[in-house]
Amino acid sequence: MLKQDGREVGRATTDTFGEFKIDKLEPNSRGYRLEATGSSERFSIEFDLGDESRYLGVVTLAAALT
């Protein structure tokens, strides 16, 4: 889920390769928080956009142990 200033502005599910894309974000906009949830872990990162797409790095969420 992608939030800007506390409200949801986008949502995506990863593809087979674990990649995702959220379109129609305003260039040079600020105050974003990406929240990713796996079966047993959570991850979040805050960022601002520039003129182009933003690479946020590799996020690894471990699978739940059964």
PDB file of N, CA and C in Angstrom:
ATOM      1  N   MET A   1       0.846  -1.160   0.000  1.00  0.00           N
ATOM      2  CA  MET A   1       0.000   0.000   0.000  1.00  0.00           C
ATOM      3  C   MET A   1       0.901   1.234   0.000  1.00  0.00           C
ATOM      4  N   LEU A   2       0.499   2.225  -0.757  1.00  0.00           N
ATOM      5  CA  LEU A   2       1.232   3.481  -0.808  1.00  0.00           C
ATOM      6  C   LEU A   2       0.362   4.577  -0.216  1.00  0.00           C
ATOM      7  N   LYS A   3       0.930   5.301   0.740  1.00  0.00           N
ATOM      8  CA  LYS A   3       0.213   6.400   1.381  1.00  0.00           C
ATOM      9  C   LYS A   3       0.970   7.693   1.141  1.00  0.00           C
ATOM     10  N   GLN A   4       0.207   8.772   1.066  1.00  0.00           N
ATOM     11  CA  GLN A   4       0.798  10.101   1.000  1.00  0.00           C
ATOM     12  C   GLN A   4       0.098  10.946   2.046  1.00  0.00           C
ATOM     13  N   ASP A   5       0.895  11.485   2.949  1.00  0.00           N
ATOM     14  CA  ASP A   5       0.355  12.288   4.050  1.00  0.00           C
ATOM     15  C   ASP A   5      -0.737  11.540   4.806  1.00  0.00           C
ATOM     16  N   GLY A   6      -0.540  10.235   5.002  1.00  0.00           N
ATOM     17  CA  GLY A   6      -1.443   9.424   5.808  1.00  0.00           C
ATOM     18  C   GLY A   6      -2.642   8.821   5.107  1.00  0.00           C
ATOM     19  N   ARG A   7      -2.873   9.155   3.846  1.00  0.00           N
ATOM     20  CA  ARG A   7      -4.029   8.553   3.144  1.00  0.00           C
ATOM     21  C   ARG A   7      -3.557   7.678   1.984  1.00  0.00           C
ATOM     22  N   GLU A   8      -4.293   6.618   1.737  1.00  0.00           N
ATOM     23  CA  GLU A   8      -3.920   5.678   0.683  1.00  0.00           C
ATOM     24  C   GLU A   8      -4.066   6.320  -0.696  1.00  0.00           C
ATOM     25  N   VAL A   9      -2.986   6.194  -1.508  1.00  0.00           N
ATOM     26  CA  VAL A   9      -3.013   6.738  -2.870  1.00  0.00           C
ATOM     27  C   VAL A   9      -2.714   5.673  -3.918  1.00  0.00           C
ATOM     28  N   GLY A  10      -2.379   4.458  -3.480  1.00  0.00           N
ATOM     29  CA  GLY A  10      -2.109   3.384  -4.427  1.00  0.00           C
ATOM     30  C   GLY A  10      -1.951   2.057  -3.722  1.00  0.00           C
ATOM     31  N   ARG A  11      -2.165   0.999  -4.501  1.00  0.00           N
ATOM     32  CA  ARG A  11      -2.042  -0.360  -3.964  1.00  0.00           C
ATOM     33  C   ARG A  11      -1.612  -1.253  -5.108  1.00  0.00           C
ATOM     34  N   ALA A  12      -0.740  -2.215  -4.824  1.00  0.00           N
ATOM     35  CA  ALA A  12      -0.263  -3.116  -5.872  1.00  0.00           C
ATOM     36  C   ALA A  12       0.058  -4.473  -5.278  1.00  0.00           C
ATOM     37  N   THR A  13       0.045  -5.479  -6.135  1.00  0.00           N
ATOM     38  CA  THR A  13       0.461  -6.835  -5.798  1.00  0.00           C
ATOM     39  C   THR A  13       1.662  -7.161  -6.663  1.00  0.00           C
ATOM     40  N   THR A  14       2.651  -7.840  -6.095  1.00  0.00           N
ATOM     41  CA  THR A  14       3.847  -8.167  -6.864  1.00  0.00           C
ATOM     42  C   THR A  14       3.555  -9.176  -7.957  1.00  0.00           C
ATOM     43  N   ASP A  15       4.375  -9.131  -9.011  1.00  0.00           N
ATOM     44  CA  ASP A  15       4.263 -10.107 -10.094  1.00  0.00           C
ATOM     45  C   ASP A  15       5.093 -11.343  -9.742  1.00  0.00           C
ATOM     46  N   THR A  16       5.283 -12.230 -10.685  1.00  0.00           N
ATOM     47  CA  THR A  16       6.031 -13.471 -10.484  1.00  0.00           C
ATOM     48  C   THR A  16       7.458 -13.210 -10.018  1.00  0.00           C
ATOM     49  N   PHE A  17       8.012 -12.082 -10.412  1.00  0.00           N
ATOM     50  CA  PHE A  17       9.400 -11.747 -10.063  1.00  0.00           C
ATOM     51  C   PHE A  17       9.494 -10.912  -8.785  1.00  0.00           C
ATOM     52  N   GLY A  18       8.361 -10.623  -8.156  1.00  0.00           N
ATOM     53  CA  GLY A  18       8.354  -9.831  -6.938  1.00  0.00           C
ATOM     54  C   GLY A  18       8.381  -8.340  -7.179  1.00  0.00           C
ATOM     55  N   GLU A  19       8.144  -7.929  -8.419  1.00  0.00           N
ATOM     56  CA  GLU A  19       8.170  -6.506  -8.758  1.00  0.00           C
ATOM     57  C   GLU A  19       6.747  -5.947  -8.800  1.00  0.00           C
ATOM     58  N   PHE A  20       6.638  -4.657  -8.583  1.00  0.00           N
ATOM     59  CA  PHE A  20       5.342  -4.001  -8.655  1.00  0.00           C
ATOM     60  C   PHE A  20       5.523  -2.579  -9.164  1.00  0.00           C
ATOM     61  N   LYS A  21       4.422  -1.968  -9.572  1.00  0.00           N
ATOM     62  CA  LYS A  21       4.459  -0.608 -10.091  1.00  0.00           C
ATOM     63  C   LYS A  21       3.150   0.082  -9.726  1.00  0.00           C
ATOM     64  N   ILE A  22       3.263   1.329  -9.296  1.00  0.00           N
ATOM     65  CA  ILE A  22       2.084   2.151  -9.029  1.00  0.00           C
ATOM     66  C   ILE A  22       2.189   3.371  -9.930  1.00  0.00           C
ATOM     67  N   ASP A  23       1.237   3.531 -10.830  1.00  0.00           N
ATOM     68  CA  ASP A  23       1.257   4.598 -11.825  1.00  0.00           C
ATOM     69  C   ASP A  23       0.519   5.847 -11.348  1.00  0.00           C
ATOM     70  N   LYS A  24       0.658   6.894 -12.158  1.00  0.00           N
ATOM     71  CA  LYS A  24      -0.085   8.153 -12.023  1.00  0.00           C
ATOM     72  C   LYS A  24       0.237   8.916 -10.745  1.00  0.00           C
ATOM     73  N   LEU A  25       1.513   8.862 -10.319  1.00  0.00           N
ATOM     74  CA  LEU A  25       1.951   9.668  -9.192  1.00  0.00           C
ATOM     75  C   LEU A  25       2.544  10.966  -9.735  1.00  0.00           C
ATOM     76  N   GLU A  26       2.281  12.040  -9.080  1.00  0.00           N
ATOM     77  CA  GLU A  26       2.739  13.358  -9.518  1.00  0.00           C
ATOM     78  C   GLU A  26       4.259  13.481  -9.387  1.00  0.00           C
ATOM     79  N   PRO A  27       4.971  13.838 -10.467  1.00  0.00           N
ATOM     80  CA  PRO A  27       6.429  14.037 -10.370  1.00  0.00           C
ATOM     81  C   PRO A  27       6.761  15.089  -9.311  1.00  0.00           C
ATOM     82  N   ASN A  28       7.892  14.902  -8.657  1.00  0.00           N
ATOM     83  CA  ASN A  28       8.391  15.832  -7.635  1.00  0.00           C
ATOM     84  C   ASN A  28       7.449  15.991  -6.443  1.00  0.00           C
ATOM     85  N   SER A  29       6.606  14.976  -6.193  1.00  0.00           N
ATOM     86  CA  SER A  29       5.703  15.031  -5.044  1.00  0.00           C
ATOM     87  C   SER A  29       6.401  14.437  -3.816  1.00  0.00           C
ATOM     88  N   ARG A  30       5.874  14.749  -2.635  1.00  0.00           N
ATOM     89  CA  ARG A  30       6.548  14.394  -1.382  1.00  0.00           C
ATOM     90  C   ARG A  30       5.608  13.694  -0.397  1.00  0.00           C
ATOM     91  N   GLY A  31       6.218  13.140   0.637  1.00  0.00           N
ATOM     92  CA  GLY A  31       5.453  12.606   1.761  1.00  0.00           C
ATOM     93  C   GLY A  31       4.873  11.225   1.562  1.00  0.00           C
ATOM     94  N   TYR A  32       5.554  10.360   0.800  1.00  0.00           N
ATOM     95  CA  TYR A  32       5.056   9.006   0.562  1.00  0.00           C
ATOM     96  C   TYR A  32       5.573   8.028   1.606  1.00  0.00           C
ATOM     97  N   ARG A  33       4.769   7.013   1.863  1.00  0.00           N
ATOM     98  CA  ARG A  33       5.164   5.902   2.734  1.00  0.00           C
ATOM     99  C   ARG A  33       4.674   4.615   2.065  1.00  0.00           C
ATOM    100  N   LEU A  34       5.607   3.732   1.734  1.00  0.00           N
ATOM    101  CA  LEU A  34       5.276   2.433   1.158  1.00  0.00           C
ATOM    102  C   LEU A  34       5.239   1.411   2.282  1.00  0.00           C
ATOM    103  N   GLU A  35       4.158   0.652   2.362  1.00  0.00           N
ATOM    104  CA  GLU A  35       4.004  -0.402   3.359  1.00  0.00           C
ATOM    105  C   GLU A  35       3.827  -1.731   2.636  1.00  0.00           C
ATOM    106  N   ALA A  36       4.738  -2.662   2.892  1.00  0.00           N
ATOM    107  CA  ALA A  36       4.669  -4.004   2.282  1.00  0.00           C
ATOM    108  C   ALA A  36       4.428  -5.019   3.389  1.00  0.00           C
ATOM    109  N   THR A  37       3.565  -5.976   3.107  1.00  0.00           N
ATOM    110  CA  THR A  37       3.221  -7.000   4.092  1.00  0.00           C
ATOM    111  C   THR A  37       3.377  -8.383   3.481  1.00  0.00           C
ATOM    112  N   GLY A  38       4.100  -9.249   4.175  1.00  0.00           N
ATOM    113  CA  GLY A  38       4.229 -10.646   3.777  1.00  0.00           C
ATOM    114  C   GLY A  38       3.410 -11.500   4.722  1.00  0.00           C
ATOM    115  N   SER A  39       3.575 -12.812   4.626  1.00  0.00           N
ATOM    116  CA  SER A  39       2.782 -13.695   5.467  1.00  0.00           C
ATOM    117  C   SER A  39       3.152 -13.593   6.945  1.00  0.00           C
ATOM    118  N   SER A  40       4.384 -13.156   7.249  1.00  0.00           N
ATOM    119  CA  SER A  40       4.766 -13.052   8.656  1.00  0.00           C
ATOM    120  C   SER A  40       5.563 -11.792   8.993  1.00  0.00           C
ATOM    121  N   GLU A  41       5.820 -10.930   8.016  1.00  0.00           N
ATOM    122  CA  GLU A  41       6.617  -9.735   8.273  1.00  0.00           C
ATOM    123  C   GLU A  41       6.023  -8.516   7.600  1.00  0.00           C
ATOM    124  N   ARG A  42       6.459  -7.342   8.078  1.00  0.00           N
ATOM    125  CA  ARG A  42       6.043  -6.063   7.488  1.00  0.00           C
ATOM    126  C   ARG A  42       7.280  -5.217   7.235  1.00  0.00           C
ATOM    127  N   PHE A  43       7.167  -4.315   6.264  1.00  0.00           N
ATOM    128  CA  PHE A  43       8.249  -3.405   5.920  1.00  0.00           C
ATOM    129  C   PHE A  43       7.627  -2.081   5.524  1.00  0.00           C
ATOM    130  N   SER A  44       8.271  -0.975   5.889  1.00  0.00           N
ATOM    131  CA  SER A  44       7.800   0.324   5.412  1.00  0.00           C
ATOM    132  C   SER A  44       8.992   1.241   5.184  1.00  0.00           C
ATOM    133  N   ILE A  45       8.816   2.165   4.248  1.00  0.00           N
ATOM    134  CA  ILE A  45       9.859   3.131   3.927  1.00  0.00           C
ATOM    135  C   ILE A  45       9.195   4.432   3.499  1.00  0.00           C
ATOM    136  N   GLU A  46       9.770   5.550   3.918  1.00  0.00           N
ATOM    137  CA  GLU A  46       9.281   6.857   3.516  1.00  0.00           C
ATOM    138  C   GLU A  46      10.187   7.415   2.429  1.00  0.00           C
ATOM    139  N   PHE A  47       9.593   8.122   1.455  1.00  0.00           N
ATOM    140  CA  PHE A  47      10.380   8.666   0.347  1.00  0.00           C
ATOM    141  C   PHE A  47       9.639   9.802  -0.336  1.00  0.00           C
ATOM    142  N   ASP A  48      10.380  10.559  -1.133  1.00  0.00           N
ATOM    143  CA  ASP A  48       9.840  11.600  -2.004  1.00  0.00           C
ATOM    144  C   ASP A  48      10.142  11.207  -3.442  1.00  0.00           C
ATOM    145  N   LEU A  49       9.348  11.697  -4.385  1.00  0.00           N
ATOM    146  CA  LEU A  49       9.580  11.416  -5.801  1.00  0.00           C
ATOM    147  C   LEU A  49      10.378  12.532  -6.454  1.00  0.00           C
ATOM    148  N   GLY A  50      11.122  12.176  -7.483  1.00  0.00           N
ATOM    149  CA  GLY A  50      11.809  13.141  -8.324  1.00  0.00           C
ATOM    150  C   GLY A  50      11.077  13.231  -9.649  1.00  0.00           C
ATOM    151  N   ASP A  51      11.821  13.486 -10.712  1.00  0.00           N
ATOM    152  CA  ASP A  51      11.246  13.588 -12.053  1.00  0.00           C
ATOM    153  C   ASP A  51      10.915  12.237 -12.663  1.00  0.00           C
ATOM    154  N   GLU A  52      11.605  11.171 -12.209  1.00  0.00           N
ATOM    155  CA  GLU A  52      11.461   9.846 -12.817  1.00  0.00           C
ATOM    156  C   GLU A  52      11.065   8.809 -11.783  1.00  0.00           C
ATOM    157  N   SER A  53      10.934   7.563 -12.236  1.00  0.00           N
ATOM    158  CA  SER A  53      10.607   6.456 -11.348  1.00  0.00           C
ATOM    159  C   SER A  53      11.633   6.361 -10.229  1.00  0.00           C
ATOM    160  N   ARG A  54      11.219   5.845  -9.106  1.00  0.00           N
ATOM    161  CA  ARG A  54      12.092   5.745  -7.944  1.00  0.00           C
ATOM    162  C   ARG A  54      12.358   4.286  -7.626  1.00  0.00           C
ATOM    163  N   TYR A  55      13.635   3.905  -7.514  1.00  0.00           N
ATOM    164  CA  TYR A  55      14.022   2.555  -7.113  1.00  0.00           C
ATOM    165  C   TYR A  55      14.221   2.562  -5.611  1.00  0.00           C
ATOM    166  N   LEU A  56      13.505   1.710  -4.901  1.00  0.00           N
ATOM    167  CA  LEU A  56      13.569   1.689  -3.443  1.00  0.00           C
ATOM    168  C   LEU A  56      14.420   0.558  -2.896  1.00  0.00           C
ATOM    169  N   GLY A  57      15.085  -0.164  -3.770  1.00  0.00           N
ATOM    170  CA  GLY A  57      15.966  -1.245  -3.329  1.00  0.00           C
ATOM    171  C   GLY A  57      15.240  -2.574  -3.207  1.00  0.00           C
ATOM    172  N   VAL A  58      15.956  -3.543  -2.703  1.00  0.00           N
ATOM    173  CA  VAL A  58      15.417  -4.893  -2.521  1.00  0.00           C
ATOM    174  C   VAL A  58      14.805  -5.002  -1.134  1.00  0.00           C
ATOM    175  N   VAL A  59      13.586  -5.527  -1.089  1.00  0.00           N
ATOM    176  CA  VAL A  59      12.890  -5.771   0.183  1.00  0.00           C
ATOM    177  C   VAL A  59      12.698  -7.273   0.296  1.00  0.00           C
ATOM    178  N   THR A  60      13.167  -7.848   1.382  1.00  0.00           N
ATOM    179  CA  THR A  60      13.014  -9.287   1.591  1.00  0.00           C
ATOM    180  C   THR A  60      12.110  -9.526   2.794  1.00  0.00           C
ATOM    181  N   LEU A  61      11.022 -10.220   2.561  1.00  0.00           N
ATOM    182  CA  LEU A  61      10.114 -10.608   3.629  1.00  0.00           C
ATOM    183  C   LEU A  61      10.158 -12.126   3.739  1.00  0.00           C
ATOM    184  N   ALA A  62      10.435 -12.626   4.915  1.00  0.00           N
ATOM    185  CA  ALA A  62      10.532 -14.076   5.119  1.00  0.00           C
ATOM    186  C   ALA A  62       9.153 -14.717   5.116  1.00  0.00           C
ATOM    187  N   ALA A  63       9.093 -15.941   4.657  1.00  0.00           N
ATOM    188  CA  ALA A  63       7.845 -16.709   4.677  1.00  0.00           C
ATOM    189  C   ALA A  63       7.570 -17.185   6.104  1.00  0.00           C
ATOM    190  N   ALA A  64       6.305 -17.342   6.419  1.00  0.00           N
ATOM    191  CA  ALA A  64       5.938 -17.845   7.735  1.00  0.00           C
ATOM    192  C   ALA A  64       6.363 -19.291   7.892  1.00  0.00           C
ATOM    193  N   LEU A  65       6.868 -19.639   9.046  1.00  0.00           N
ATOM    194  CA  LEU A  65       7.248 -21.017   9.316  1.00  0.00           C
ATOM    195  C   LEU A  65       6.026 -21.789   9.809  1.00  0.00           C
ATOM    196  N   THR A  66       5.875 -22.996   9.321  1.00  0.00           N
ATOM    197  CA  THR A  66       4.731 -23.802   9.744  1.00  0.00           C
ATOM    198  C   THR A  66       5.170 -24.973  10.571  1.00  0.00           C
TER     199      THR A  66
END
